[in-house]
Amino acid sequence: MRDTNVVTLRMPADLKRRLETVAHRQGISLNQLSNYLLNTQISWLEAEMALEARLARQSFDDLRTRFEAILNAVPDREPLDWDRLPPSSP
């Protein structure tokens, strides 16, 4: 079994009710839902921080040059029907 710790977390009553509702609808425990949501959010934050750190080591001109090279490699053709934007409303 993995090491676990018991953590007491203070949160607004309304947030707890919302979490309980979602957990119930998903058929999982409040603990499982909380772990999932915390893990998902921390993963997003870690990825964002890693990307920011990587971008901080790049010059803006280098990034722009690389970005333009990627765009220039995209074929110039009409999008497929399923990929078109809907017509704009007047």
C-alpha atoms as a PDB file:
ATOM      1  CA  MET A   1       0.000   0.000   0.000  1.00  0.00           C
ATOM      2  CA  ARG A   2       1.237   3.507  -0.792  1.00  0.00           C
ATOM      3  CA  ASP A   3       2.190   5.833   2.000  1.00  0.00           C
ATOM      4  CA  THR A   4      -0.658   8.137   2.871  1.00  0.00           C
ATOM      5  CA  ASN A   5      -1.150  11.012   5.257  1.00  0.00           C
ATOM      6  CA  VAL A   6      -4.284  12.261   6.883  1.00  0.00           C
ATOM      7  CA  VAL A   7      -4.825  15.941   6.150  1.00  0.00           C
ATOM      8  CA  THR A   8      -7.436  18.180   7.703  1.00  0.00           C
ATOM      9  CA  LEU A   9      -8.581  20.687   5.133  1.00  0.00           C
ATOM     10  CA  ARG A  10     -10.709  23.710   5.923  1.00  0.00           C
ATOM     11  CA  MET A  11     -13.066  24.782   3.171  1.00  0.00           C
ATOM     12  CA  PRO A  12     -16.309  26.710   2.857  1.00  0.00           C
ATOM     13  CA  ALA A  13     -19.389  24.599   3.560  1.00  0.00           C
ATOM     14  CA  ASP A  14     -20.774  25.325   0.089  1.00  0.00           C
ATOM     15  CA  LEU A  15     -17.622  23.972  -1.565  1.00  0.00           C
ATOM     16  CA  LYS A  16     -17.829  20.800   0.525  1.00  0.00           C
ATOM     17  CA  ARG A  17     -21.474  20.324  -0.489  1.00  0.00           C
ATOM     18  CA  ARG A  18     -20.565  20.779  -4.150  1.00  0.00           C
ATOM     19  CA  LEU A  19     -17.734  18.273  -3.868  1.00  0.00           C
ATOM     20  CA  GLU A  20     -20.012  15.782  -2.129  1.00  0.00           C
ATOM     21  CA  THR A  21     -22.636  16.207  -4.859  1.00  0.00           C
ATOM     22  CA  VAL A  22     -20.131  15.600  -7.640  1.00  0.00           C
ATOM     23  CA  ALA A  23     -18.574  12.632  -5.812  1.00  0.00           C
ATOM     24  CA  HIS A  24     -22.012  11.100  -5.293  1.00  0.00           C
ATOM     25  CA  ARG A  25     -22.942  11.571  -8.960  1.00  0.00           C
ATOM     26  CA  GLN A  26     -19.633   9.995 -10.008  1.00  0.00           C
ATOM     27  CA  GLY A  27     -20.127   7.093  -7.606  1.00  0.00           C
ATOM     28  CA  ILE A  28     -16.856   7.747  -5.799  1.00  0.00           C
ATOM     29  CA  SER A  29     -15.880   8.913  -2.350  1.00  0.00           C
ATOM     30  CA  LEU A  30     -15.216  12.509  -1.434  1.00  0.00           C
ATOM     31  CA  ASN A  31     -11.626  11.458  -0.735  1.00  0.00           C
ATOM     32  CA  GLN A  32     -11.214   9.952  -4.231  1.00  0.00           C
ATOM     33  CA  LEU A  33     -12.666  13.038  -5.885  1.00  0.00           C
ATOM     34  CA  SER A  34     -10.533  15.404  -3.816  1.00  0.00           C
ATOM     35  CA  ASN A  35      -7.366  13.455  -4.613  1.00  0.00           C
ATOM     36  CA  TYR A  36      -8.225  13.400  -8.305  1.00  0.00           C
ATOM     37  CA  LEU A  37      -8.968  17.123  -8.456  1.00  0.00           C
ATOM     38  CA  LEU A  38      -5.873  18.088  -6.463  1.00  0.00           C
ATOM     39  CA  ASN A  39      -3.656  15.809  -8.540  1.00  0.00           C
ATOM     40  CA  THR A  40      -5.081  17.146 -11.799  1.00  0.00           C
ATOM     41  CA  GLN A  41      -4.693  20.768 -10.764  1.00  0.00           C
ATOM     42  CA  ILE A  42      -1.157  20.363  -9.405  1.00  0.00           C
ATOM     43  CA  SER A  43      -0.163  18.592 -12.634  1.00  0.00           C
ATOM     44  CA  TRP A  44      -1.452  21.547 -14.667  1.00  0.00           C
ATOM     45  CA  LEU A  45       0.401  24.002 -12.427  1.00  0.00           C
ATOM     46  CA  GLU A  46       3.640  21.992 -12.625  1.00  0.00           C
ATOM     47  CA  ALA A  47       3.373  21.833 -16.417  1.00  0.00           C
ATOM     48  CA  GLU A  48       2.723  25.575 -16.583  1.00  0.00           C
ATOM     49  CA  MET A  49       5.721  26.324 -14.359  1.00  0.00           C
ATOM     50  CA  ALA A  50       7.960  24.024 -16.414  1.00  0.00           C
ATOM     51  CA  LEU A  51       6.827  25.709 -19.637  1.00  0.00           C
ATOM     52  CA  GLU A  52       7.354  29.181 -18.165  1.00  0.00           C
ATOM     53  CA  ALA A  53      10.861  28.199 -17.012  1.00  0.00           C
ATOM     54  CA  ARG A  54      11.669  26.803 -20.463  1.00  0.00           C
ATOM     55  CA  LEU A  55      10.323  29.899 -22.212  1.00  0.00           C
ATOM     56  CA  ALA A  56      12.255  32.187 -19.855  1.00  0.00           C
ATOM     57  CA  ARG A  57      15.485  30.740 -21.269  1.00  0.00           C
ATOM     58  CA  GLN A  58      14.487  31.678 -24.829  1.00  0.00           C
ATOM     59  CA  SER A  59      14.751  35.024 -26.553  1.00  0.00           C
ATOM     60  CA  PHE A  60      11.574  36.494 -27.966  1.00  0.00           C
ATOM     61  CA  ASP A  61      13.137  36.826 -31.426  1.00  0.00           C
ATOM     62  CA  ASP A  62      14.168  33.151 -31.410  1.00  0.00           C
ATOM     63  CA  LEU A  63      10.658  32.089 -30.366  1.00  0.00           C
ATOM     64  CA  ARG A  64       9.082  34.260 -33.065  1.00  0.00           C
ATOM     65  CA  THR A  65      11.414  32.827 -35.722  1.00  0.00           C
ATOM     66  CA  ARG A  66      10.627  29.260 -34.690  1.00  0.00           C
ATOM     67  CA  PHE A  67       6.883  30.007 -34.528  1.00  0.00           C
ATOM     68  CA  GLU A  68       6.903  31.557 -38.000  1.00  0.00           C
ATOM     69  CA  ALA A  69       8.816  28.540 -39.362  1.00  0.00           C
ATOM     70  CA  ILE A  70       6.106  26.243 -38.002  1.00  0.00           C
ATOM     71  CA  LEU A  71       3.331  28.364 -39.522  1.00  0.00           C
ATOM     72  CA  ASN A  72       5.150  28.527 -42.859  1.00  0.00           C
ATOM     73  CA  ALA A  73       5.288  24.722 -42.942  1.00  0.00           C
ATOM     74  CA  VAL A  74       1.486  24.488 -42.809  1.00  0.00           C
ATOM     75  CA  PRO A  75       0.037  23.937 -46.295  1.00  0.00           C
ATOM     76  CA  ASP A  76      -2.004  26.839 -47.657  1.00  0.00           C
ATOM     77  CA  ARG A  77      -5.355  25.236 -48.429  1.00  0.00           C
ATOM     78  CA  GLU A  78      -8.991  25.562 -47.542  1.00  0.00           C
ATOM     79  CA  PRO A  79     -10.056  23.804 -44.334  1.00  0.00           C
ATOM     80  CA  LEU A  80     -12.212  20.704 -44.494  1.00  0.00           C
ATOM     81  CA  ASP A  81     -15.956  21.257 -43.974  1.00  0.00           C
ATOM     82  CA  TRP A  82     -15.906  19.896 -40.421  1.00  0.00           C
ATOM     83  CA  ASP A  83     -13.066  22.293 -39.506  1.00  0.00           C
ATOM     84  CA  ARG A  84     -14.637  25.523 -40.794  1.00  0.00           C
ATOM     85  CA  LEU A  85     -15.747  28.277 -38.504  1.00  0.00           C
ATOM     86  CA  PRO A  86     -19.500  28.881 -38.539  1.00  0.00           C
ATOM     87  CA  PRO A  87     -20.594  31.974 -40.449  1.00  0.00           C
ATOM     88  CA  SER A  88     -20.530  35.065 -38.296  1.00  0.00           C
ATOM     89  CA  SER A  89     -23.784  36.749 -37.360  1.00  0.00           C
ATOM     90  CA  PRO A  90     -24.350  40.335 -38.510  1.00  0.00           C
END
